[in-house]
PDB file of N, CA and C in Angstrom:
ATOM      1  N   MET A   1      -2.968  -4.019  10.951  1.00  0.00           N
ATOM      2  CA  MET A   1      -4.161  -4.786  10.153  1.00  0.00           C
ATOM      3  C   MET A   1      -4.169  -3.766   9.033  1.00  0.00           C
ATOM      4  N   GLU A   2      -4.051  -4.751   8.040  1.00  0.00           N
ATOM      5  CA  GLU A   2      -4.367  -4.326   6.693  1.00  0.00           C
ATOM      6  C   GLU A   2      -5.373  -3.666   6.349  1.00  0.00           C
ATOM      7  N   LEU A   3      -5.619  -2.710   5.591  1.00  0.00           N
ATOM      8  CA  LEU A   3      -6.839  -1.934   5.467  1.00  0.00           C
ATOM      9  C   LEU A   3      -7.292  -2.032   3.941  1.00  0.00           C
ATOM     10  N   TYR A   4      -6.565  -1.749   3.100  1.00  0.00           N
ATOM     11  CA  TYR A   4      -7.339  -2.130   1.620  1.00  0.00           C
ATOM     12  C   TYR A   4      -6.136  -2.026   0.888  1.00  0.00           C
ATOM     13  N   GLU A   5      -6.293  -3.354  -0.173  1.00  0.00           N
ATOM     14  CA  GLU A   5      -5.330  -3.430  -1.292  1.00  0.00           C
ATOM     15  C   GLU A   5      -5.991  -2.344  -2.700  1.00  0.00           C
ATOM     16  N   CYS A   6      -4.932  -2.092  -3.305  1.00  0.00           N
ATOM     17  CA  CYS A   6      -5.377  -1.186  -4.721  1.00  0.00           C
ATOM     18  C   CYS A   6      -4.710  -1.896  -5.806  1.00  0.00           C
ATOM     19  N   SER A   7      -5.734  -1.967  -6.719  1.00  0.00           N
ATOM     20  CA  SER A   7      -4.973  -2.917  -7.959  1.00  0.00           C
ATOM     21  C   SER A   7      -5.684  -1.559  -9.038  1.00  0.00           C
ATOM     22  N   VAL A   8      -4.291  -1.315 -10.165  1.00  0.00           N
ATOM     23  CA  VAL A   8      -4.486  -0.590 -10.903  1.00  0.00           C
ATOM     24  C   VAL A   8      -3.902  -1.008 -12.524  1.00  0.00           C
ATOM     25  N   ASN A   9      -4.891  -0.825 -13.219  1.00  0.00           N
ATOM     26  CA  ASN A   9      -4.764  -1.411 -14.688  1.00  0.00           C
ATOM     27  C   ASN A   9      -4.712  -0.095 -15.610  1.00  0.00           C
ATOM     28  N   GLY A  10      -3.797  -0.307 -16.705  1.00  0.00           N
ATOM     29  CA  GLY A  10      -3.557   0.232 -17.629  1.00  0.00           C
ATOM     30  C   GLY A  10      -2.187   0.335 -18.421  1.00  0.00           C
ATOM     31  N   PRO A  11      -2.015   0.774 -19.383  1.00  0.00           N
ATOM     32  CA  PRO A  11      -0.845   0.710 -20.120  1.00  0.00           C
ATOM     33  C   PRO A  11       0.578   1.123 -19.139  1.00  0.00           C
ATOM     34  N   ILE A  12       1.554  -0.113 -19.508  1.00  0.00           N
ATOM     35  CA  ILE A  12       2.637   0.381 -18.653  1.00  0.00           C
ATOM     36  C   ILE A  12       3.820   0.669 -19.839  1.00  0.00           C
ATOM     37  N   ASN A  13       4.923   1.945 -19.379  1.00  0.00           N
ATOM     38  CA  ASN A  13       5.700   2.213 -20.069  1.00  0.00           C
ATOM     39  C   ASN A  13       7.261   2.193 -18.974  1.00  0.00           C
ATOM     40  N   PHE A  14       8.169   1.309 -19.788  1.00  0.00           N
ATOM     41  CA  PHE A  14       9.232   1.182 -18.988  1.00  0.00           C
ATOM     42  C   PHE A  14      10.211   2.338 -19.472  1.00  0.00           C
ATOM     43  N   MET A  15      10.812   2.816 -18.447  1.00  0.00           N
ATOM     44  CA  MET A  15      11.881   4.333 -18.745  1.00  0.00           C
ATOM     45  C   MET A  15      13.217   3.648 -19.574  1.00  0.00           C
ATOM     46  N   SER A  16      13.619   4.204 -20.287  1.00  0.00           N
ATOM     47  CA  SER A  16      14.984   4.020 -20.586  1.00  0.00           C
ATOM     48  C   SER A  16      15.941   4.579 -19.571  1.00  0.00           C
ATOM     49  N   PRO A  17      17.284   3.841 -19.728  1.00  0.00           N
ATOM     50  CA  PRO A  17      18.482   3.982 -18.649  1.00  0.00           C
ATOM     51  C   PRO A  17      18.432   5.743 -18.431  1.00  0.00           C
ATOM     52  N   GLU A  18      18.462   6.387 -19.719  1.00  0.00           N
ATOM     53  CA  GLU A  18      18.725   7.950 -19.450  1.00  0.00           C
ATOM     54  C   GLU A  18      17.410   8.487 -18.898  1.00  0.00           C
ATOM     55  N   GLY A  19      16.438   8.019 -19.045  1.00  0.00           N
ATOM     56  CA  GLY A  19      15.061   8.762 -18.502  1.00  0.00           C
ATOM     57  C   GLY A  19      15.031   8.149 -16.697  1.00  0.00           C
ATOM     58  N   LEU A  20      15.483   6.801 -16.504  1.00  0.00           N
ATOM     59  CA  LEU A  20      15.561   6.561 -14.908  1.00  0.00           C
ATOM     60  C   LEU A  20      16.519   7.198 -14.358  1.00  0.00           C
ATOM     61  N   ILE A  21      17.516   7.463 -15.254  1.00  0.00           N
ATOM     62  CA  ILE A  21      18.536   8.520 -14.580  1.00  0.00           C
ATOM     63  C   ILE A  21      17.998  10.141 -13.870  1.00  0.00           C
ATOM     64  N   GLN A  22      17.117  10.404 -15.050  1.00  0.00           N
ATOM     65  CA  GLN A  22      16.634  11.935 -14.918  1.00  0.00           C
ATOM     66  C   GLN A  22      15.334  11.790 -14.182  1.00  0.00           C
ATOM     67  N   PHE A  23      14.961  10.259 -13.168  1.00  0.00           N
ATOM     68  CA  PHE A  23      13.710   9.957 -12.686  1.00  0.00           C
ATOM     69  C   PHE A  23      14.380  10.043 -11.210  1.00  0.00           C
ATOM     70  N   MET A  24      15.890   9.693 -11.231  1.00  0.00           N
ATOM     71  CA  MET A  24      16.459   9.223  -9.758  1.00  0.00           C
ATOM     72  C   MET A  24      16.850  10.767  -9.496  1.00  0.00           C
ATOM     73  N   ARG A  25      17.172  11.416 -10.156  1.00  0.00           N
ATOM     74  CA  ARG A  25      17.658  12.507  -9.629  1.00  0.00           C
ATOM     75  C   ARG A  25      16.780  13.647  -9.274  1.00  0.00           C
ATOM     76  N   LYS A  26      15.429  13.619  -9.801  1.00  0.00           N
ATOM     77  CA  LYS A  26      14.291  14.015  -9.513  1.00  0.00           C
ATOM     78  C   LYS A  26      13.968  13.634  -8.016  1.00  0.00           C
ATOM     79  N   LEU A  27      13.872  12.328  -7.571  1.00  0.00           N
ATOM     80  CA  LEU A  27      13.633  11.671  -6.749  1.00  0.00           C
ATOM     81  C   LEU A  27      14.259  12.214  -5.655  1.00  0.00           C
ATOM     82  N   THR A  28      15.567  11.940  -5.556  1.00  0.00           N
ATOM     83  CA  THR A  28      16.521  11.785  -4.544  1.00  0.00           C
ATOM     84  C   THR A  28      16.376  13.340  -4.376  1.00  0.00           C
ATOM     85  N   LEU A  29      16.130  14.436  -5.462  1.00  0.00           N
ATOM     86  CA  LEU A  29      16.350  15.716  -5.071  1.00  0.00           C
ATOM     87  C   LEU A  29      14.983  16.067  -4.111  1.00  0.00           C
ATOM     88  N   LYS A  30      14.082  15.365  -4.141  1.00  0.00           N
ATOM     89  CA  LYS A  30      13.135  15.695  -3.722  1.00  0.00           C
ATOM     90  C   LYS A  30      13.087  15.430  -2.210  1.00  0.00           C
ATOM     91  N   PHE A  31      13.607  14.189  -2.173  1.00  0.00           N
ATOM     92  CA  PHE A  31      13.922  13.832  -0.625  1.00  0.00           C
ATOM     93  C   PHE A  31      15.144  14.807   0.320  1.00  0.00           C
ATOM     94  N   GLU A  32      15.763  15.075  -0.627  1.00  0.00           N
ATOM     95  CA  GLU A  32      16.775  15.541   0.000  1.00  0.00           C
ATOM     96  C   GLU A  32      16.598  17.447  -0.026  1.00  0.00           C
ATOM     97  N   LYS A  33      15.261  17.333  -0.078  1.00  0.00           N
ATOM     98  CA  LYS A  33      14.552  18.538  -0.096  1.00  0.00           C
ATOM     99  C   LYS A  33      15.370  19.924  -0.543  1.00  0.00           C
ATOM    100  N   GLY A  34      15.892  19.556  -1.969  1.00  0.00           N
ATOM    101  CA  GLY A  34      16.385  20.233  -3.274  1.00  0.00           C
ATOM    102  C   GLY A  34      17.966  20.642  -2.539  1.00  0.00           C
ATOM    103  N   ASN A  35      18.467  19.986  -1.550  1.00  0.00           N
ATOM    104  CA  ASN A  35      19.586  19.874  -1.529  1.00  0.00           C
ATOM    105  C   ASN A  35      20.746  19.392  -2.214  1.00  0.00           C
ATOM    106  N   THR A  36      21.210  19.891  -3.192  1.00  0.00           N
ATOM    107  CA  THR A  36      21.851  19.329  -4.218  1.00  0.00           C
ATOM    108  C   THR A  36      23.515  19.118  -3.982  1.00  0.00           C
ATOM    109  N   ALA A  37      23.989  19.435  -2.577  1.00  0.00           N
ATOM    110  CA  ALA A  37      24.928  19.307  -2.156  1.00  0.00           C
ATOM    111  C   ALA A  37      25.219  17.982  -1.393  1.00  0.00           C
ATOM    112  N   SER A  38      23.762  17.376  -0.948  1.00  0.00           N
ATOM    113  CA  SER A  38      23.503  16.157  -0.129  1.00  0.00           C
ATOM    114  C   SER A  38      24.192  14.911  -0.974  1.00  0.00           C
ATOM    115  N   GLN A  39      25.190  14.414  -0.031  1.00  0.00           N
ATOM    116  CA  GLN A  39      25.664  12.699  -0.226  1.00  0.00           C
ATOM    117  C   GLN A  39      24.619  12.242  -0.882  1.00  0.00           C
ATOM    118  N   THR A  40      23.530  11.920  -0.526  1.00  0.00           N
ATOM    119  CA  THR A  40      22.720  11.268  -1.133  1.00  0.00           C
ATOM    120  C   THR A  40      21.937  11.487  -2.389  1.00  0.00           C
ATOM    121  N   PHE A  41      22.236  12.598  -2.820  1.00  0.00           N
ATOM    122  CA  PHE A  41      21.541  13.107  -4.196  1.00  0.00           C
ATOM    123  C   PHE A  41      22.338  12.404  -5.385  1.00  0.00           C
ATOM    124  N   TYR A  42      21.392  12.109  -6.320  1.00  0.00           N
ATOM    125  CA  TYR A  42      21.856  11.203  -7.287  1.00  0.00           C
ATOM    126  C   TYR A  42      22.795  11.271  -7.855  1.00  0.00           C
ATOM    127  N   ASP A  43      23.440  12.803  -8.126  1.00  0.00           N
ATOM    128  CA  ASP A  43      24.445  13.104  -8.711  1.00  0.00           C
ATOM    129  C   ASP A  43      26.013  13.178  -7.641  1.00  0.00           C
ATOM    130  N   ASN A  44      25.601  12.909  -6.640  1.00  0.00           N
ATOM    131  CA  ASN A  44      26.790  12.970  -5.695  1.00  0.00           C
ATOM    132  C   ASN A  44      27.017  11.505  -5.108  1.00  0.00           C
ATOM    133  N   LEU A  45      26.125  10.378  -5.689  1.00  0.00           N
ATOM    134  CA  LEU A  45      26.578   9.062  -5.262  1.00  0.00           C
ATOM    135  C   LEU A  45      28.011   8.572  -5.677  1.00  0.00           C
ATOM    136  N   PRO A  46      28.505   7.877  -4.946  1.00  0.00           N
ATOM    137  CA  PRO A  46      30.096   7.067  -6.129  1.00  0.00           C
ATOM    138  C   PRO A  46      29.398   6.162  -7.081  1.00  0.00           C
ATOM    139  N   PRO A  47      30.154   6.510  -8.424  1.00  0.00           N
ATOM    140  CA  PRO A  47      30.160   5.642  -9.246  1.00  0.00           C
ATOM    141  C   PRO A  47      30.133   4.384  -8.950  1.00  0.00           C
ATOM    142  N   GLU A  48      30.553   4.018  -8.159  1.00  0.00           N
ATOM    143  CA  GLU A  48      31.097   2.074  -8.048  1.00  0.00           C
ATOM    144  C   GLU A  48      29.454   1.747  -7.433  1.00  0.00           C
ATOM    145  N   PHE A  49      28.934   2.420  -6.831  1.00  0.00           N
ATOM    146  CA  PHE A  49      27.607   2.400  -6.169  1.00  0.00           C
ATOM    147  C   PHE A  49      26.666   2.440  -7.071  1.00  0.00           C
ATOM    148  N   LEU A  50      26.289   3.265  -7.942  1.00  0.00           N
ATOM    149  CA  LEU A  50      25.388   3.562  -9.088  1.00  0.00           C
ATOM    150  C   LEU A  50      25.748   2.058  -9.777  1.00  0.00           C
ATOM    151  N   ASN A  51      26.948   2.282 -10.569  1.00  0.00           N
ATOM    152  CA  ASN A  51      27.201   1.078 -11.232  1.00  0.00           C
ATOM    153  C   ASN A  51      26.435  -0.379 -10.881  1.00  0.00           C
ATOM    154  N   LYS A  52      26.540  -0.490  -9.758  1.00  0.00           N
ATOM    155  CA  LYS A  52      26.226  -1.859  -8.939  1.00  0.00           C
ATOM    156  C   LYS A  52      24.493  -1.909  -8.611  1.00  0.00           C
ATOM    157  N   MET A  53      24.170  -0.466  -8.147  1.00  0.00           N
ATOM    158  CA  MET A  53      22.736  -0.584  -8.164  1.00  0.00           C
ATOM    159  C   MET A  53      21.946   0.052  -9.149  1.00  0.00           C
ATOM    160  N   MET A  54      22.042   0.587  -9.838  1.00  0.00           N
ATOM    161  CA  MET A  54      21.034   1.026 -11.156  1.00  0.00           C
ATOM    162  C   MET A  54      20.770   0.003 -11.813  1.00  0.00           C
ATOM    163  N   PRO A  55      21.520  -0.844 -12.532  1.00  0.00           N
ATOM    164  CA  PRO A  55      21.258  -2.256 -13.418  1.00  0.00           C
ATOM    165  C   PRO A  55      20.042  -3.073 -12.507  1.00  0.00           C
ATOM    166  N   ALA A  56      19.773  -2.986 -11.380  1.00  0.00           N
ATOM    167  CA  ALA A  56      18.853  -3.699 -10.508  1.00  0.00           C
ATOM    168  C   ALA A  56      17.422  -2.835 -10.649  1.00  0.00           C
ATOM    169  N   ILE A  57      17.263  -1.333 -10.934  1.00  0.00           N
ATOM    170  CA  ILE A  57      16.383  -0.674 -10.717  1.00  0.00           C
ATOM    171  C   ILE A  57      15.447  -0.773 -12.144  1.00  0.00           C
ATOM    172  N   VAL A  58      14.113  -1.218 -12.218  1.00  0.00           N
ATOM    173  CA  VAL A  58      13.478  -0.720 -13.339  1.00  0.00           C
ATOM    174  C   VAL A  58      12.461   0.344 -12.851  1.00  0.00           C
ATOM    175  N   GLY A  59      12.700   1.185 -14.160  1.00  0.00           N
ATOM    176  CA  GLY A  59      11.498   2.282 -13.821  1.00  0.00           C
ATOM    177  C   GLY A  59      10.415   2.117 -14.987  1.00  0.00           C
ATOM    178  N   PHE A  60       9.434   2.509 -14.382  1.00  0.00           N
ATOM    179  CA  PHE A  60       8.199   2.177 -14.959  1.00  0.00           C
ATOM    180  C   PHE A  60       7.117   3.362 -14.770  1.00  0.00           C
ATOM    181  N   GLU A  61       6.382   3.713 -15.784  1.00  0.00           N
ATOM    182  CA  GLU A  61       4.931   4.615 -15.481  1.00  0.00           C
ATOM    183  C   GLU A  61       3.978   3.504 -16.101  1.00  0.00           C
ATOM    184  N   ILE A  62       2.748   3.638 -15.005  1.00  0.00           N
ATOM    185  CA  ILE A  62       1.301   3.473 -15.438  1.00  0.00           C
ATOM    186  C   ILE A  62       0.580   4.400 -15.861  1.00  0.00           C
ATOM    187  N   LYS A  63      -0.409   4.413 -16.852  1.00  0.00           N
ATOM    188  CA  LYS A  63      -1.466   5.150 -17.038  1.00  0.00           C
ATOM    189  C   LYS A  63      -2.679   4.567 -16.418  1.00  0.00           C
ATOM    190  N   ALA A  64      -2.906   5.062 -15.288  1.00  0.00           N
ATOM    191  CA  ALA A  64      -4.205   4.515 -14.406  1.00  0.00           C
ATOM    192  C   ALA A  64      -5.479   4.851 -15.251  1.00  0.00           C
ATOM    193  N   ASP A  65      -5.801   3.703 -15.861  1.00  0.00           N
ATOM    194  CA  ASP A  65      -7.242   3.453 -16.709  1.00  0.00           C
ATOM    195  C   ASP A  65      -8.317   3.149 -15.502  1.00  0.00           C
ATOM    196  N   LYS A  66      -8.058   2.322 -14.849  1.00  0.00           N
ATOM    197  CA  LYS A  66      -8.919   1.597 -13.596  1.00  0.00           C
ATOM    198  C   LYS A  66      -8.151   1.468 -12.252  1.00  0.00           C
ATOM    199  N   MET A  67      -8.908   1.868 -11.442  1.00  0.00           N
ATOM    200  CA  MET A  67      -8.115   1.646 -10.064  1.00  0.00           C
ATOM    201  C   MET A  67      -9.298   0.958  -9.358  1.00  0.00           C
ATOM    202  N   GLU A  68      -8.856  -0.212  -8.615  1.00  0.00           N
ATOM    203  CA  GLU A  68     -10.189  -0.759  -8.029  1.00  0.00           C
ATOM    204  C   GLU A  68      -9.299  -0.993  -6.500  1.00  0.00           C
ATOM    205  N   ASN A  69     -10.181  -0.753  -5.428  1.00  0.00           N
ATOM    206  CA  ASN A  69      -9.990  -1.194  -3.950  1.00  0.00           C
ATOM    207  C   ASN A  69     -10.504  -2.101  -3.364  1.00  0.00           C
ATOM    208  N   VAL A  70      -9.744  -2.985  -2.484  1.00  0.00           N
ATOM    209  CA  VAL A  70     -10.593  -3.972  -2.063  1.00  0.00           C
ATOM    210  C   VAL A  70     -10.340  -3.863  -0.365  1.00  0.00           C
ATOM    211  N   PHE A  71     -11.240  -3.540   0.474  1.00  0.00           N
ATOM    212  CA  PHE A  71     -11.063  -3.199   1.763  1.00  0.00           C
ATOM    213  C   PHE A  71     -10.948  -4.600   2.686  1.00  0.00           C
ATOM    214  N   LYS A  72     -10.011  -4.310   3.343  1.00  0.00           N
ATOM    215  CA  LYS A  72      -9.379  -5.624   4.105  1.00  0.00           C
ATOM    216  C   LYS A  72      -9.669  -5.539   5.408  1.00  0.00           C
ATOM    217  N   LEU A  73     -10.832  -5.039   6.174  1.00  0.00           N
ATOM    218  CA  LEU A  73     -11.250  -5.115   7.558  1.00  0.00           C
ATOM    219  C   LEU A  73     -11.453  -5.989   8.030  1.00  0.00           C
ATOM    220  N   SER A  74     -10.389  -7.412   8.041  1.00  0.00           N
ATOM    221  CA  SER A  74     -10.483  -8.261   8.872  1.00  0.00           C
ATOM    222  C   SER A  74     -11.696  -8.904   8.476  1.00  0.00           C
ATOM    223  N   GLN A  75     -11.992  -8.949   7.454  1.00  0.00           N
ATOM    224  CA  GLN A  75     -13.340 -10.320   6.798  1.00  0.00           C
ATOM    225  C   GLN A  75     -12.727 -11.513   6.985  1.00  0.00           C
ATOM    226  N   ASN A  76     -11.509 -11.809   7.254  1.00  0.00           N
ATOM    227  CA  ASN A  76     -10.991 -13.446   7.147  1.00  0.00           C
ATOM    228  C   ASN A  76     -11.301 -14.125   8.952  1.00  0.00           C
ATOM    229  N   ARG A  77     -11.849 -12.937   9.759  1.00  0.00           N
ATOM    230  CA  ARG A  77     -12.512 -13.480  10.897  1.00  0.00           C
ATOM    231  C   ARG A  77     -13.771 -13.887  11.261  1.00  0.00           C
ATOM    232  N   ASP A  78     -13.850 -15.207  12.635  1.00  0.00           N
ATOM    233  CA  ASP A  78     -14.911 -15.327  13.085  1.00  0.00           C
ATOM    234  C   ASP A  78     -15.521 -14.276  13.394  1.00  0.00           C
ATOM    235  N   GLU A  79     -17.193 -14.360  13.768  1.00  0.00           N
ATOM    236  CA  GLU A  79     -17.499 -13.314  14.437  1.00  0.00           C
ATOM    237  C   GLU A  79     -17.097 -12.551  15.620  1.00  0.00           C
ATOM    238  N   LYS A  80     -16.775 -13.715  16.408  1.00  0.00           N
ATOM    239  CA  LYS A  80     -16.496 -13.129  17.922  1.00  0.00           C
ATOM    240  C   LYS A  80     -15.232 -12.263  17.920  1.00  0.00           C
ATOM    241  N   SER A  81     -14.324 -12.659  17.165  1.00  0.00           N
ATOM    242  CA  SER A  81     -12.920 -12.139  16.666  1.00  0.00           C
ATOM    243  C   SER A  81     -13.122 -10.228  16.040  1.00  0.00           C
ATOM    244  N   TYR A  82     -14.146 -10.779  15.081  1.00  0.00           N
ATOM    245  CA  TYR A  82     -14.343  -9.086  14.484  1.00  0.00           C
ATOM    246  C   TYR A  82     -14.813  -8.196  15.427  1.00  0.00           C
ATOM    247  N   LEU A  83     -15.876  -8.656  16.144  1.00  0.00           N
ATOM    248  CA  LEU A  83     -16.370  -7.790  17.120  1.00  0.00           C
ATOM    249  C   LEU A  83     -15.602  -7.094  18.255  1.00  0.00           C
ATOM    250  N   ASN A  84     -14.217  -8.420  18.654  1.00  0.00           N
ATOM    251  CA  ASN A  84     -13.151  -7.777  19.448  1.00  0.00           C
ATOM    252  C   ASN A  84     -12.304  -7.163  18.739  1.00  0.00           C
ATOM    253  N   ILE A  85     -12.014  -7.099  17.846  1.00  0.00           N
ATOM    254  CA  ILE A  85     -11.397  -6.034  16.982  1.00  0.00           C
ATOM    255  C   ILE A  85     -12.307  -4.357  16.850  1.00  0.00           C
ATOM    256  N   ILE A  86     -13.602  -4.709  16.598  1.00  0.00           N
ATOM    257  CA  ILE A  86     -14.539  -3.425  16.498  1.00  0.00           C
ATOM    258  C   ILE A  86     -13.973  -2.565  17.989  1.00  0.00           C
ATOM    259  N   SER A  87     -14.195  -3.342  19.328  1.00  0.00           N
ATOM    260  CA  SER A  87     -14.357  -3.187  20.546  1.00  0.00           C
ATOM    261  C   SER A  87     -12.936  -2.297  20.913  1.00  0.00           C
ATOM    262  N   LYS A  88     -11.979  -2.832  20.131  1.00  0.00           N
ATOM    263  CA  LYS A  88     -10.339  -2.527  20.645  1.00  0.00           C
ATOM    264  C   LYS A  88     -10.151  -1.230  19.755  1.00  0.00           C
ATOM    265  N   LEU A  89     -10.684  -1.415  18.279  1.00  0.00           N
ATOM    266  CA  LEU A  89     -10.790   0.119  17.637  1.00  0.00           C
ATOM    267  C   LEU A  89     -11.448   1.372  18.251  1.00  0.00           C
ATOM    268  N   GLU A  90     -12.593   0.977  18.788  1.00  0.00           N
ATOM    269  CA  GLU A  90     -13.458   1.918  19.421  1.00  0.00           C
ATOM    270  C   GLU A  90     -12.746   2.855  20.614  1.00  0.00           C
ATOM    271  N   GLU A  91     -11.998   1.762  21.472  1.00  0.00           N
ATOM    272  CA  GLU A  91     -11.118   2.099  22.664  1.00  0.00           C
ATOM    273  C   GLU A  91      -9.916   3.234  22.375  1.00  0.00           C
ATOM    274  N   GLN A  92      -9.459   2.886  21.028  1.00  0.00           N
ATOM    275  CA  GLN A  92      -8.364   3.650  20.680  1.00  0.00           C
ATOM    276  C   GLN A  92      -8.682   5.001  20.492  1.00  0.00           C
ATOM    277  N   GLY A  93      -9.977   5.148  19.788  1.00  0.00           N
ATOM    278  CA  GLY A  93     -10.549   6.560  19.075  1.00  0.00           C
ATOM    279  C   GLY A  93     -10.263   6.910  17.981  1.00  0.00           C
ATOM    280  N   GLY A  94     -10.352   7.996  17.659  1.00  0.00           N
ATOM    281  CA  GLY A  94      -9.387   9.056  16.710  1.00  0.00           C
ATOM    282  C   GLY A  94     -10.086   7.979  15.158  1.00  0.00           C
ATOM    283  N   GLY A  95      -8.846   7.795  14.278  1.00  0.00           N
ATOM    284  CA  GLY A  95      -9.179   7.414  12.892  1.00  0.00           C
ATOM    285  C   GLY A  95      -9.365   5.901  13.382  1.00  0.00           C
ATOM    286  N   ALA A  96      -8.814   5.446  14.473  1.00  0.00           N
ATOM    287  CA  ALA A  96      -9.085   3.995  14.785  1.00  0.00           C
ATOM    288  C   ALA A  96     -10.875   3.545  14.878  1.00  0.00           C
ATOM    289  N   ALA A  97     -11.505   4.568  15.635  1.00  0.00           N
ATOM    290  CA  ALA A  97     -13.077   4.417  16.066  1.00  0.00           C
ATOM    291  C   ALA A  97     -13.496   4.687  14.501  1.00  0.00           C
ATOM    292  N   ILE A  98     -12.969   5.563  13.503  1.00  0.00           N
ATOM    293  CA  ILE A  98     -13.579   5.617  11.892  1.00  0.00           C
ATOM    294  C   ILE A  98     -13.475   4.479  11.319  1.00  0.00           C
ATOM    295  N   ILE A  99     -12.592   3.320  11.867  1.00  0.00           N
ATOM    296  CA  ILE A  99     -12.089   2.237  10.889  1.00  0.00           C
ATOM    297  C   ILE A  99     -13.205   1.303  11.762  1.00  0.00           C
ATOM    298  N   SER A 100     -13.493   1.421  13.013  1.00  0.00           N
ATOM    299  CA  SER A 100     -14.466   0.489  13.897  1.00  0.00           C
ATOM    300  C   SER A 100     -15.565   0.886  13.135  1.00  0.00           C
ATOM    301  N   GLN A 101     -16.084   2.161  12.863  1.00  0.00           N
ATOM    302  CA  GLN A 101     -17.664   2.223  12.360  1.00  0.00           C
ATOM    303  C   GLN A 101     -17.911   1.784  10.843  1.00  0.00           C
ATOM    304  N   GLU A 102     -16.769   1.736   9.991  1.00  0.00           N
ATOM    305  CA  GLU A 102     -16.952   1.275   8.877  1.00  0.00           C
ATOM    306  C   GLU A 102     -16.971  -0.456   9.019  1.00  0.00           C
ATOM    307  N   MET A 103     -16.186  -0.956  10.076  1.00  0.00           N
ATOM    308  CA  MET A 103     -16.383  -2.325  10.247  1.00  0.00           C
ATOM    309  C   MET A 103     -17.738  -2.709  10.590  1.00  0.00           C
ATOM    310  N   LYS A 104     -18.240  -1.796  11.341  1.00  0.00           N
ATOM    311  CA  LYS A 104     -20.170  -2.228  11.737  1.00  0.00           C
ATOM    312  C   LYS A 104     -20.834  -1.978  10.907  1.00  0.00           C
ATOM    313  N   ASN A 105     -20.540  -1.182   9.858  1.00  0.00           N
ATOM    314  CA  ASN A 105     -21.444  -0.864   8.659  1.00  0.00           C
ATOM    315  C   ASN A 105     -21.177  -2.248   7.979  1.00  0.00           C
ATOM    316  N   ARG A 106     -20.115  -3.014   7.763  1.00  0.00           N
ATOM    317  CA  ARG A 106     -20.223  -4.168   7.096  1.00  0.00           C
ATOM    318  C   ARG A 106     -19.998  -5.699   7.718  1.00  0.00           C
ATOM    319  N   LYS A 107     -20.350  -5.403   9.013  1.00  0.00           N
ATOM    320  CA  LYS A 107     -21.084  -6.765   9.510  1.00  0.00           C
ATOM    321  C   LYS A 107     -21.804  -7.733   9.178  1.00  0.00           C
ATOM    322  N   GLU A 108     -23.308  -6.866   9.110  1.00  0.00           N
ATOM    323  CA  GLU A 108     -24.164  -7.722   8.438  1.00  0.00           C
ATOM    324  C   GLU A 108     -24.037  -8.604   7.132  1.00  0.00           C
ATOM    325  N   GLU A 109     -23.154  -7.500   6.183  1.00  0.00           N
ATOM    326  CA  GLU A 109     -22.454  -8.244   5.288  1.00  0.00           C
ATOM    327  C   GLU A 109     -21.730  -9.124   5.066  1.00  0.00           C
ATOM    328  N   LEU A 110     -21.078  -9.294   5.851  1.00  0.00           N
ATOM    329  CA  LEU A 110     -19.954 -10.129   6.623  1.00  0.00           C
ATOM    330  C   LEU A 110     -20.815 -11.760   7.319  1.00  0.00           C
ATOM    331  N   PHE A 111     -21.412 -11.114   7.967  1.00  0.00           N
ATOM    332  CA  PHE A 111     -21.968 -12.192   9.059  1.00  0.00           C
ATOM    333  C   PHE A 111     -23.880 -12.357   8.855  1.00  0.00           C
ATOM    334  N   PRO A 112     -24.168 -12.726   7.743  1.00  0.00           N
ATOM    335  CA  PRO A 112     -25.352 -12.811   7.407  1.00  0.00           C
ATOM    336  C   PRO A 112     -26.558 -13.453   8.508  1.00  0.00           C
ATOM    337  N   ALA A 113     -27.262 -13.283   9.103  1.00  0.00           N
ATOM    338  CA  ALA A 113     -28.034 -13.893   9.944  1.00  0.00           C
ATOM    339  C   ALA A 113     -28.413 -15.205   9.407  1.00  0.00           C
ATOM    340  N   GLY A 114     -28.030 -15.930  10.711  1.00  0.00           N
ATOM    341  CA  GLY A 114     -28.519 -17.335  10.074  1.00  0.00           C
ATOM    342  C   GLY A 114     -27.343 -18.583   9.371  1.00  0.00           C
ATOM    343  N   ALA A 115     -26.328 -17.540   9.011  1.00  0.00           N
ATOM    344  CA  ALA A 115     -25.009 -18.019   8.251  1.00  0.00           C
ATOM    345  C   ALA A 115     -24.127 -18.915   9.154  1.00  0.00           C
ATOM    346  N   GLN A 116     -23.397 -19.832   8.944  1.00  0.00           N
ATOM    347  CA  GLN A 116     -22.488 -20.677   9.817  1.00  0.00           C
ATOM    348  C   GLN A 116     -21.075 -20.257   9.318  1.00  0.00           C
ATOM    349  N   TRP A 117     -20.150 -19.984   9.923  1.00  0.00           N
ATOM    350  CA  TRP A 117     -18.731 -19.814   9.877  1.00  0.00           C
ATOM    351  C   TRP A 117     -18.071 -20.631   9.276  1.00  0.00           C
ATOM    352  N   ASP A 118     -17.477 -20.770   8.462  1.00  0.00           N
ATOM    353  CA  ASP A 118     -16.618 -21.704   7.688  1.00  0.00           C
ATOM    354  C   ASP A 118     -15.160 -21.381   7.606  1.00  0.00           C
ATOM    355  N   ALA A 119     -14.288 -21.782   8.462  1.00  0.00           N
ATOM    356  CA  ALA A 119     -13.013 -21.024   8.620  1.00  0.00           C
ATOM    357  C   ALA A 119     -11.957 -21.813   7.479  1.00  0.00           C
ATOM    358  N   THR A 120     -12.472 -22.493   6.752  1.00  0.00           N
ATOM    359  CA  THR A 120     -11.546 -23.749   6.018  1.00  0.00           C
ATOM    360  C   THR A 120     -11.325 -22.520   4.471  1.00  0.00           C
ATOM    361  N   LYS A 121     -12.178 -21.441   4.564  1.00  0.00           N
ATOM    362  CA  LYS A 121     -12.310 -20.786   3.483  1.00  0.00           C
ATOM    363  C   LYS A 121     -11.484 -19.356   3.423  1.00  0.00           C
ATOM    364  N   PHE A 122     -10.464 -19.583   4.904  1.00  0.00           N
ATOM    365  CA  PHE A 122      -9.345 -18.763   4.804  1.00  0.00           C
ATOM    366  C   PHE A 122      -8.092 -19.012   5.408  1.00  0.00           C
ATOM    367  N   ASP A 123      -7.055 -18.134   4.764  1.00  0.00           N
ATOM    368  CA  ASP A 123      -5.775 -18.412   5.020  1.00  0.00           C
ATOM    369  C   ASP A 123      -5.592 -18.260   6.651  1.00  0.00           C
ATOM    370  N   SER A 124      -6.115 -17.220   7.408  1.00  0.00           N
ATOM    371  CA  SER A 124      -5.295 -17.169   8.869  1.00  0.00           C
ATOM    372  C   SER A 124      -6.437 -17.399   9.854  1.00  0.00           C
TER     373      SER A 124
END
């Protein structure tokens, strides 16, 4: 179940080829826990692999001026399905129960009293 999406707005800067290489060194070193002898550390990758893969990678940075999230707590369901999802999440307990509580909090907004369900407004 998808819970939310995030939209980030702000200026974007694309990395130069040299900047991308430096970034890839740092990234691979991070995932190799500082092990520069690892075969998957950037500097140890075969040149033919790098020559093939690096042109397909676009490095960029975004200065996040604005972030918006959109909750996706099964709002594209009819009320019966929505309540069933809440019930199943409650049964799971833990983090799932927290999500079920958030869905309960949003129920009245999604299913106002007297409103009729219109499935044509949703893709799934």
